[in-house]
C-alpha cells in the first residue's frame, strides 16, 4: 500500500487498528445499506454480484429482524441515513 498523503484520509479499522482498505469500506456500505432498510436484491445489483448467495453473506451482520426486512421488505432503493418510510 502506498504511503502517500491520501493514506491519512482513510479511517482506521475497528479490528486490528490498521488502515481500512477499499474492501472494508465496501463491506461497511453493504451492511449499513441493509440496516437502513435496503433490500438484498438491490444490493446485489449495486455491488455487481452475479449470485445472490454472495450478497447474502452480509445478512450475517444483521439482527434477525433486519435480515428479514432485507430479504422480504420493500424492494425500493433507500437513501443511507434515512429510515424506511421517511424517504
PDB file of N, CA and C in Angstrom:
ATOM      1  N   UNK A   1       0.844  -1.180   0.000  1.00  0.00           N
ATOM      2  CA  UNK A   1       0.000   0.000   0.000  1.00  0.00           C
ATOM      3  C   UNK A   1       0.885   1.237   0.000  1.00  0.00           C
ATOM      4  N   UNK A   2       0.487   2.217  -0.744  1.00  0.00           N
ATOM      5  CA  UNK A   2       1.228   3.462  -0.847  1.00  0.00           C
ATOM      6  C   UNK A   2       1.249   4.203   0.487  1.00  0.00           C
ATOM      7  N   UNK A   3       2.287   4.969   0.693  1.00  0.00           N
ATOM      8  CA  UNK A   3       2.365   5.784   1.917  1.00  0.00           C
ATOM      9  C   UNK A   3       2.090   7.243   1.596  1.00  0.00           C
ATOM     10  N   UNK A   4       1.418   7.498   0.474  1.00  0.00           N
ATOM     11  CA  UNK A   4       1.094   8.869   0.058  1.00  0.00           C
ATOM     12  C   UNK A   4       0.185   9.568   1.051  1.00  0.00           C
ATOM     13  N   UNK A   5      -0.006  10.878   0.877  1.00  0.00           N
ATOM     14  CA  UNK A   5      -0.805  11.665   1.829  1.00  0.00           C
ATOM     15  C   UNK A   5      -2.264  11.230   1.914  1.00  0.00           C
ATOM     16  N   UNK A   6      -2.811  10.626   0.859  1.00  0.00           N
ATOM     17  CA  UNK A   6      -4.202  10.182   0.903  1.00  0.00           C
ATOM     18  C   UNK A   6      -4.417   9.109   1.954  1.00  0.00           C
ATOM     19  N   UNK A   7      -3.357   8.424   2.337  1.00  0.00           N
ATOM     20  CA  UNK A   7      -3.475   7.337   3.324  1.00  0.00           C
ATOM     21  C   UNK A   7      -4.015   7.866   4.653  1.00  0.00           C
ATOM     22  N   UNK A   8      -3.685   9.098   5.012  1.00  0.00           N
ATOM     23  CA  UNK A   8      -4.170   9.679   6.268  1.00  0.00           C
ATOM     24  C   UNK A   8      -5.671   9.935   6.239  1.00  0.00           C
ATOM     25  N   UNK A   9      -6.247  10.005   5.039  1.00  0.00           N
ATOM     26  CA  UNK A   9      -7.678  10.249   4.909  1.00  0.00           C
ATOM     27  C   UNK A   9      -8.495   9.033   5.305  1.00  0.00           C
ATOM     28  N   UNK A  10      -7.951   7.843   5.079  1.00  0.00           N
ATOM     29  CA  UNK A  10      -8.701   6.628   5.351  1.00  0.00           C
ATOM     30  C   UNK A  10      -8.921   6.432   6.841  1.00  0.00           C
ATOM     31  N   UNK A  11     -10.131   6.010   7.221  1.00  0.00           N
ATOM     32  CA  UNK A  11     -10.381   5.743   8.639  1.00  0.00           C
ATOM     33  C   UNK A  11      -9.641   4.488   9.082  1.00  0.00           C
ATOM     34  N   UNK A  12      -9.393   4.396  10.359  1.00  0.00           N
ATOM     35  CA  UNK A  12      -8.777   3.175  10.862  1.00  0.00           C
ATOM     36  C   UNK A  12      -9.861   2.128  11.044  1.00  0.00           C
ATOM     37  N   UNK A  13      -9.493   0.902  10.903  1.00  0.00           N
ATOM     38  CA  UNK A  13     -10.449  -0.193  11.043  1.00  0.00           C
ATOM     39  C   UNK A  13     -10.644  -0.520  12.508  1.00  0.00           C
ATOM     40  N   UNK A  14     -11.871  -0.858  12.874  1.00  0.00           N
ATOM     41  CA  UNK A  14     -12.127  -1.192  14.267  1.00  0.00           C
ATOM     42  C   UNK A  14     -11.390  -2.448  14.722  1.00  0.00           C
ATOM     43  N   UNK A  15     -11.187  -3.382  13.811  1.00  0.00           N
ATOM     44  CA  UNK A  15     -10.483  -4.616  14.160  1.00  0.00           C
ATOM     45  C   UNK A  15      -9.027  -4.490  13.741  1.00  0.00           C
ATOM     46  N   UNK A  16      -8.125  -4.718  14.614  1.00  0.00           N
ATOM     47  CA  UNK A  16      -6.718  -4.736  14.271  1.00  0.00           C
ATOM     48  C   UNK A  16      -6.062  -3.372  14.254  1.00  0.00           C
ATOM     49  N   UNK A  17      -6.838  -2.313  14.248  1.00  0.00           N
ATOM     50  CA  UNK A  17      -6.276  -0.969  14.299  1.00  0.00           C
ATOM     51  C   UNK A  17      -5.530  -0.526  13.065  1.00  0.00           C
ATOM     52  N   UNK A  18      -5.602  -1.301  11.983  1.00  0.00           N
ATOM     53  CA  UNK A  18      -4.893  -0.927  10.758  1.00  0.00           C
ATOM     54  C   UNK A  18      -5.700   0.032   9.907  1.00  0.00           C
ATOM     55  N   UNK A  19      -5.177   0.322   8.756  1.00  0.00           N
ATOM     56  CA  UNK A  19      -5.852   1.190   7.812  1.00  0.00           C
ATOM     57  C   UNK A  19      -6.947   0.403   7.091  1.00  0.00           C
ATOM     58  N   UNK A  20      -8.094   1.028   6.902  1.00  0.00           N
ATOM     59  CA  UNK A  20      -9.167   0.386   6.145  1.00  0.00           C
ATOM     60  C   UNK A  20      -8.800   0.315   4.675  1.00  0.00           C
ATOM     61  N   UNK A  21      -9.109  -0.754   4.072  1.00  0.00           N
ATOM     62  CA  UNK A  21      -8.912  -0.961   2.644  1.00  0.00           C
ATOM     63  C   UNK A  21     -10.244  -0.725   1.928  1.00  0.00           C
ATOM     64  N   UNK A  22     -10.211  -0.625   0.622  1.00  0.00           N
ATOM     65  CA  UNK A  22     -11.439  -0.431  -0.157  1.00  0.00           C
ATOM     66  C   UNK A  22     -12.458  -1.517   0.148  1.00  0.00           C
ATOM     67  N   UNK A  23     -11.984  -2.738   0.335  1.00  0.00           N
ATOM     68  CA  UNK A  23     -12.904  -3.838   0.629  1.00  0.00           C
ATOM     69  C   UNK A  23     -13.641  -3.596   1.941  1.00  0.00           C
ATOM     70  N   UNK A  24     -12.962  -3.058   2.939  1.00  0.00           N
ATOM     71  CA  UNK A  24     -13.617  -2.767   4.219  1.00  0.00           C
ATOM     72  C   UNK A  24     -14.696  -1.712   4.043  1.00  0.00           C
ATOM     73  N   UNK A  25     -14.406  -0.692   3.241  1.00  0.00           N
ATOM     74  CA  UNK A  25     -15.390   0.360   3.007  1.00  0.00           C
ATOM     75  C   UNK A  25     -16.592  -0.182   2.243  1.00  0.00           C
ATOM     76  N   UNK A  26     -16.344  -1.060   1.299  1.00  0.00           N
ATOM     77  CA  UNK A  26     -17.420  -1.693   0.528  1.00  0.00           C
ATOM     78  C   UNK A  26     -18.293  -2.542   1.453  1.00  0.00           C
ATOM     79  N   UNK A  27     -17.651  -3.300   2.326  1.00  0.00           N
ATOM     80  CA  UNK A  27     -18.370  -4.139   3.281  1.00  0.00           C
ATOM     81  C   UNK A  27     -19.215  -3.269   4.217  1.00  0.00           C
ATOM     82  N   UNK A  28     -18.630  -2.197   4.722  1.00  0.00           N
ATOM     83  CA  UNK A  28     -19.348  -1.297   5.630  1.00  0.00           C
ATOM     84  C   UNK A  28     -20.559  -0.692   4.936  1.00  0.00           C
ATOM     85  N   UNK A  29     -20.380  -0.265   3.670  1.00  0.00           N
ATOM     86  CA  UNK A  29     -21.505   0.275   2.918  1.00  0.00           C
ATOM     87  C   UNK A  29     -22.629  -0.752   2.823  1.00  0.00           C
ATOM     88  N   UNK A  30     -22.289  -1.989   2.478  1.00  0.00           N
ATOM     89  CA  UNK A  30     -23.300  -3.023   2.290  1.00  0.00           C
ATOM     90  C   UNK A  30     -24.105  -3.261   3.565  1.00  0.00           C
ATOM     91  N   UNK A  31     -23.430  -3.368   4.677  1.00  0.00           N
ATOM     92  CA  UNK A  31     -24.116  -3.622   5.949  1.00  0.00           C
ATOM     93  C   UNK A  31     -24.982  -2.424   6.335  1.00  0.00           C
ATOM     94  N   UNK A  32     -24.454  -1.217   6.199  1.00  0.00           N
ATOM     95  CA  UNK A  32     -25.228  -0.019   6.546  1.00  0.00           C
ATOM     96  C   UNK A  32     -26.419   0.156   5.615  1.00  0.00           C
ATOM     97  N   UNK A  33     -26.250  -0.176   4.350  1.00  0.00           N
ATOM     98  CA  UNK A  33     -27.349  -0.106   3.390  1.00  0.00           C
ATOM     99  C   UNK A  33     -28.493  -1.010   3.834  1.00  0.00           C
ATOM    100  N   UNK A  34     -28.164  -2.235   4.222  1.00  0.00           N
ATOM    101  CA  UNK A  34     -29.196  -3.171   4.667  1.00  0.00           C
ATOM    102  C   UNK A  34     -29.818  -2.722   5.979  1.00  0.00           C
ATOM    103  N   UNK A  35     -29.026  -2.224   6.888  1.00  0.00           N
ATOM    104  CA  UNK A  35     -29.567  -1.744   8.169  1.00  0.00           C
ATOM    105  C   UNK A  35     -30.496  -0.544   7.979  1.00  0.00           C
ATOM    106  N   UNK A  36     -30.259   0.235   6.951  1.00  0.00           N
ATOM    107  CA  UNK A  36     -31.087   1.412   6.673  1.00  0.00           C
ATOM    108  C   UNK A  36     -32.394   1.026   5.979  1.00  0.00           C
ATOM    109  N   UNK A  37     -32.579  -0.267   5.710  1.00  0.00           N
ATOM    110  CA  UNK A  37     -33.828  -0.724   5.118  1.00  0.00           C
ATOM    111  C   UNK A  37     -33.709  -1.134   3.666  1.00  0.00           C
ATOM    112  N   UNK A  38     -32.511  -1.139   3.124  1.00  0.00           N
ATOM    113  CA  UNK A  38     -32.311  -1.581   1.746  1.00  0.00           C
ATOM    114  C   UNK A  38     -32.550  -3.069   1.620  1.00  0.00           C
ATOM    115  N   UNK A  39     -32.865  -3.505   0.422  1.00  0.00           N
ATOM    116  CA  UNK A  39     -33.112  -4.932   0.262  1.00  0.00           C
ATOM    117  C   UNK A  39     -31.930  -5.618  -0.400  1.00  0.00           C
ATOM    118  N   UNK A  40     -31.844  -6.888  -0.160  1.00  0.00           N
ATOM    119  CA  UNK A  40     -30.707  -7.692  -0.572  1.00  0.00           C
ATOM    120  C   UNK A  40     -30.578  -7.774  -2.093  1.00  0.00           C
ATOM    121  N   UNK A  41     -31.703  -7.705  -2.801  1.00  0.00           N
ATOM    122  CA  UNK A  41     -31.672  -7.833  -4.259  1.00  0.00           C
ATOM    123  C   UNK A  41     -31.143  -6.562  -4.926  1.00  0.00           C
ATOM    124  N   UNK A  42     -31.503  -5.416  -4.400  1.00  0.00           N
ATOM    125  CA  UNK A  42     -30.936  -4.161  -4.914  1.00  0.00           C
ATOM    126  C   UNK A  42     -29.449  -4.094  -4.586  1.00  0.00           C
ATOM    127  N   UNK A  43     -29.090  -4.528  -3.390  1.00  0.00           N
ATOM    128  CA  UNK A  43     -27.678  -4.526  -3.003  1.00  0.00           C
ATOM    129  C   UNK A  43     -26.867  -5.425  -3.928  1.00  0.00           C
ATOM    130  N   UNK A  44     -27.423  -6.551  -4.307  1.00  0.00           N
ATOM    131  CA  UNK A  44     -26.745  -7.444  -5.249  1.00  0.00           C
ATOM    132  C   UNK A  44     -26.414  -6.694  -6.537  1.00  0.00           C
ATOM    133  N   UNK A  45     -27.361  -5.922  -7.041  1.00  0.00           N
ATOM    134  CA  UNK A  45     -27.138  -5.144  -8.268  1.00  0.00           C
ATOM    135  C   UNK A  45     -26.095  -4.053  -8.050  1.00  0.00           C
ATOM    136  N   UNK A  46     -26.192  -3.367  -6.917  1.00  0.00           N
ATOM    137  CA  UNK A  46     -25.258  -2.275  -6.616  1.00  0.00           C
ATOM    138  C   UNK A  46     -23.828  -2.792  -6.555  1.00  0.00           C
ATOM    139  N   UNK A  47     -23.643  -3.934  -5.896  1.00  0.00           N
ATOM    140  CA  UNK A  47     -22.302  -4.485  -5.726  1.00  0.00           C
ATOM    141  C   UNK A  47     -21.824  -5.282  -6.940  1.00  0.00           C
ATOM    142  N   UNK A  48     -22.731  -5.587  -7.848  1.00  0.00           N
ATOM    143  CA  UNK A  48     -22.345  -6.312  -9.060  1.00  0.00           C
ATOM    144  C   UNK A  48     -22.122  -7.800  -8.853  1.00  0.00           C
ATOM    145  N   UNK A  49     -22.767  -8.361  -7.836  1.00  0.00           N
ATOM    146  CA  UNK A  49     -22.638  -9.800  -7.598  1.00  0.00           C
ATOM    147  C   UNK A  49     -23.504 -10.568  -8.594  1.00  0.00           C
ATOM    148  N   UNK A  50     -22.966 -11.606  -9.179  1.00  0.00           N
ATOM    149  CA  UNK A  50     -23.750 -12.421 -10.112  1.00  0.00           C
ATOM    150  C   UNK A  50     -24.656 -13.400  -9.366  1.00  0.00           C
ATOM    151  N   UNK A  51     -24.288 -13.759  -8.151  1.00  0.00           N
ATOM    152  CA  UNK A  51     -25.075 -14.700  -7.362  1.00  0.00           C
ATOM    153  C   UNK A  51     -25.575 -14.018  -6.083  1.00  0.00           C
ATOM    154  N   UNK A  52     -26.848 -14.225  -5.765  1.00  0.00           N
ATOM    155  CA  UNK A  52     -27.419 -13.678  -4.527  1.00  0.00           C
ATOM    156  C   UNK A  52     -26.741 -14.306  -3.310  1.00  0.00           C
ATOM    157  N   UNK A  53     -26.214 -15.517  -3.463  1.00  0.00           N
ATOM    158  CA  UNK A  53     -25.517 -16.184  -2.347  1.00  0.00           C
ATOM    159  C   UNK A  53     -24.327 -15.353  -1.871  1.00  0.00           C
ATOM    160  N   UNK A  54     -23.632 -14.710  -2.786  1.00  0.00           N
ATOM    161  CA  UNK A  54     -22.501 -13.865  -2.411  1.00  0.00           C
ATOM    162  C   UNK A  54     -22.983 -12.686  -1.581  1.00  0.00           C
ATOM    163  N   UNK A  55     -24.077 -12.071  -1.983  1.00  0.00           N
ATOM    164  CA  UNK A  55     -24.616 -10.901  -1.278  1.00  0.00           C
ATOM    165  C   UNK A  55     -25.195 -11.295   0.075  1.00  0.00           C
ATOM    166  N   UNK A  56     -25.734 -12.497   0.180  1.00  0.00           N
ATOM    167  CA  UNK A  56     -26.352 -12.944   1.432  1.00  0.00           C
ATOM    168  C   UNK A  56     -25.357 -13.046   2.579  1.00  0.00           C
ATOM    169  N   UNK A  57     -24.083 -13.042   2.298  1.00  0.00           N
ATOM    170  CA  UNK A  57     -23.072 -13.054   3.361  1.00  0.00           C
ATOM    171  C   UNK A  57     -23.280 -11.882   4.310  1.00  0.00           C
ATOM    172  N   UNK A  58     -23.716 -10.743   3.775  1.00  0.00           N
ATOM    173  CA  UNK A  58     -23.909  -9.547   4.591  1.00  0.00           C
ATOM    174  C   UNK A  58     -25.063  -9.681   5.577  1.00  0.00           C
ATOM    175  N   UNK A  59     -25.961 -10.612   5.347  1.00  0.00           N
ATOM    176  CA  UNK A  59     -27.068 -10.827   6.280  1.00  0.00           C
ATOM    177  C   UNK A  59     -26.571 -11.310   7.639  1.00  0.00           C
ATOM    178  N   UNK A  60     -25.403 -11.930   7.670  1.00  0.00           N
ATOM    179  CA  UNK A  60     -24.848 -12.430   8.929  1.00  0.00           C
ATOM    180  C   UNK A  60     -24.512 -11.323   9.914  1.00  0.00           C
ATOM    181  N   UNK A  61     -24.426 -10.089   9.446  1.00  0.00           N
ATOM    182  CA  UNK A  61     -24.061  -8.959  10.294  1.00  0.00           C
ATOM    183  C   UNK A  61     -25.271  -8.175  10.775  1.00  0.00           C
ATOM    184  N   UNK A  62     -26.456  -8.693  10.505  1.00  0.00           N
ATOM    185  CA  UNK A  62     -27.700  -8.022  10.880  1.00  0.00           C
ATOM    186  C   UNK A  62     -28.415  -8.779  11.988  1.00  0.00           C
ATOM    187  N   UNK A  63     -29.307  -8.085  12.670  1.00  0.00           N
ATOM    188  CA  UNK A  63     -30.187  -8.768  13.615  1.00  0.00           C
ATOM    189  C   UNK A  63     -31.170  -9.611  12.809  1.00  0.00           C
ATOM    190  N   UNK A  64     -31.832 -10.572  13.446  1.00  0.00           N
ATOM    191  CA  UNK A  64     -32.818 -11.364  12.699  1.00  0.00           C
ATOM    192  C   UNK A  64     -33.911 -10.509  12.057  1.00  0.00           C
ATOM    193  N   UNK A  65     -34.372  -9.476  12.755  1.00  0.00           N
ATOM    194  CA  UNK A  65     -35.404  -8.595  12.190  1.00  0.00           C
ATOM    195  C   UNK A  65     -34.873  -7.819  10.992  1.00  0.00           C
ATOM    196  N   UNK A  66     -33.638  -7.317  11.096  1.00  0.00           N
ATOM    197  CA  UNK A  66     -33.037  -6.587   9.975  1.00  0.00           C
ATOM    198  C   UNK A  66     -32.845  -7.505   8.770  1.00  0.00           C
ATOM    199  N   UNK A  67     -32.416  -8.737   9.017  1.00  0.00           N
ATOM    200  CA  UNK A  67     -32.211  -9.694   7.928  1.00  0.00           C
ATOM    201  C   UNK A  67     -33.533 -10.027   7.246  1.00  0.00           C
ATOM    202  N   UNK A  68     -34.582 -10.203   8.040  1.00  0.00           N
ATOM    203  CA  UNK A  68     -35.901 -10.477   7.459  1.00  0.00           C
ATOM    204  C   UNK A  68     -36.343  -9.311   6.589  1.00  0.00           C
ATOM    205  N   UNK A  69     -36.192  -8.101   7.085  1.00  0.00           N
ATOM    206  CA  UNK A  69     -36.573  -6.904   6.323  1.00  0.00           C
ATOM    207  C   UNK A  69     -35.769  -6.815   5.028  1.00  0.00           C
ATOM    208  N   UNK A  70     -34.490  -7.104   5.104  1.00  0.00           N
ATOM    209  CA  UNK A  70     -33.629  -7.034   3.920  1.00  0.00           C
ATOM    210  C   UNK A  70     -34.058  -8.048   2.859  1.00  0.00           C
ATOM    211  N   UNK A  71     -34.574  -9.180   3.286  1.00  0.00           N
ATOM    212  CA  UNK A  71     -34.970 -10.226   2.352  1.00  0.00           C
ATOM    213  C   UNK A  71     -36.411 -10.096   1.876  1.00  0.00           C
ATOM    214  N   UNK A  72     -37.296  -9.555   2.717  1.00  0.00           N
ATOM    215  CA  UNK A  72     -38.720  -9.589   2.407  1.00  0.00           C
ATOM    216  C   UNK A  72     -39.387  -8.217   2.399  1.00  0.00           C
ATOM    217  N   UNK A  73     -38.636  -7.182   2.738  1.00  0.00           N
ATOM    218  CA  UNK A  73     -39.225  -5.853   2.841  1.00  0.00           C
ATOM    219  C   UNK A  73     -39.407  -5.182   1.495  1.00  0.00           C
ATOM    220  N   UNK A  74     -39.650  -3.885   1.541  1.00  0.00           N
ATOM    221  CA  UNK A  74     -39.839  -3.096   0.325  1.00  0.00           C
ATOM    222  C   UNK A  74     -38.667  -3.284  -0.620  1.00  0.00           C
ATOM    223  N   UNK A  75     -38.942  -3.312  -1.871  1.00  0.00           N
ATOM    224  CA  UNK A  75     -37.900  -3.526  -2.876  1.00  0.00           C
ATOM    225  C   UNK A  75     -37.535  -2.226  -3.573  1.00  0.00           C
ATOM    226  N   UNK A  76     -37.408  -1.150  -2.824  1.00  0.00           N
ATOM    227  CA  UNK A  76     -37.002   0.116  -3.410  1.00  0.00           C
ATOM    228  C   UNK A  76     -35.637   0.510  -2.871  1.00  0.00           C
ATOM    229  N   UNK A  77     -34.940   1.319  -3.617  1.00  0.00           N
ATOM    230  CA  UNK A  77     -33.625   1.773  -3.182  1.00  0.00           C
ATOM    231  C   UNK A  77     -33.819   2.810  -2.079  1.00  0.00           C
ATOM    232  N   UNK A  78     -33.072   2.663  -0.997  1.00  0.00           N
ATOM    233  CA  UNK A  78     -33.168   3.611   0.105  1.00  0.00           C
ATOM    234  C   UNK A  78     -31.969   4.538   0.084  1.00  0.00           C
ATOM    235  N   UNK A  79     -32.161   5.709   0.660  1.00  0.00           N
ATOM    236  CA  UNK A  79     -31.056   6.642   0.822  1.00  0.00           C
ATOM    237  C   UNK A  79     -30.446   6.375   2.189  1.00  0.00           C
ATOM    238  N   UNK A  80     -29.138   6.204   2.240  1.00  0.00           N
ATOM    239  CA  UNK A  80     -28.497   5.974   3.528  1.00  0.00           C
ATOM    240  C   UNK A  80     -28.726   7.168   4.418  1.00  0.00           C
ATOM    241  N   UNK A  81     -28.924   6.907   5.696  1.00  0.00           N
ATOM    242  CA  UNK A  81     -29.173   7.975   6.655  1.00  0.00           C
ATOM    243  C   UNK A  81     -30.647   8.258   6.846  1.00  0.00           C
ATOM    244  N   UNK A  82     -31.521   7.504   6.174  1.00  0.00           N
ATOM    245  CA  UNK A  82     -32.959   7.680   6.350  1.00  0.00           C
ATOM    246  C   UNK A  82     -33.558   6.377   6.842  1.00  0.00           C
ATOM    247  N   UNK A  83     -34.711   6.468   7.439  1.00  0.00           N
ATOM    248  CA  UNK A  83     -35.419   5.288   7.870  1.00  0.00           C
ATOM    249  C   UNK A  83     -36.438   4.903   6.799  1.00  0.00           C
ATOM    250  N   UNK A  84     -36.738   3.639   6.689  1.00  0.00           N
ATOM    251  CA  UNK A  84     -37.734   3.182   5.716  1.00  0.00           C
ATOM    252  C   UNK A  84     -39.052   3.880   6.018  1.00  0.00           C
ATOM    253  N   UNK A  85     -39.706   4.377   4.975  1.00  0.00           N
ATOM    254  CA  UNK A  85     -40.986   5.049   5.146  1.00  0.00           C
ATOM    255  C   UNK A  85     -40.873   6.546   5.343  1.00  0.00           C
ATOM    256  N   UNK A  86     -39.640   7.062   5.455  1.00  0.00           N
ATOM    257  CA  UNK A  86     -39.472   8.506   5.653  1.00  0.00           C
ATOM    258  C   UNK A  86     -38.712   9.130   4.503  1.00  0.00           C
ATOM    259  N   UNK A  87     -38.649   8.452   3.388  1.00  0.00           N
ATOM    260  CA  UNK A  87     -37.866   8.936   2.254  1.00  0.00           C
ATOM    261  C   UNK A  87     -38.548  10.075   1.559  1.00  0.00           C
TER     262      UNK A  87
END
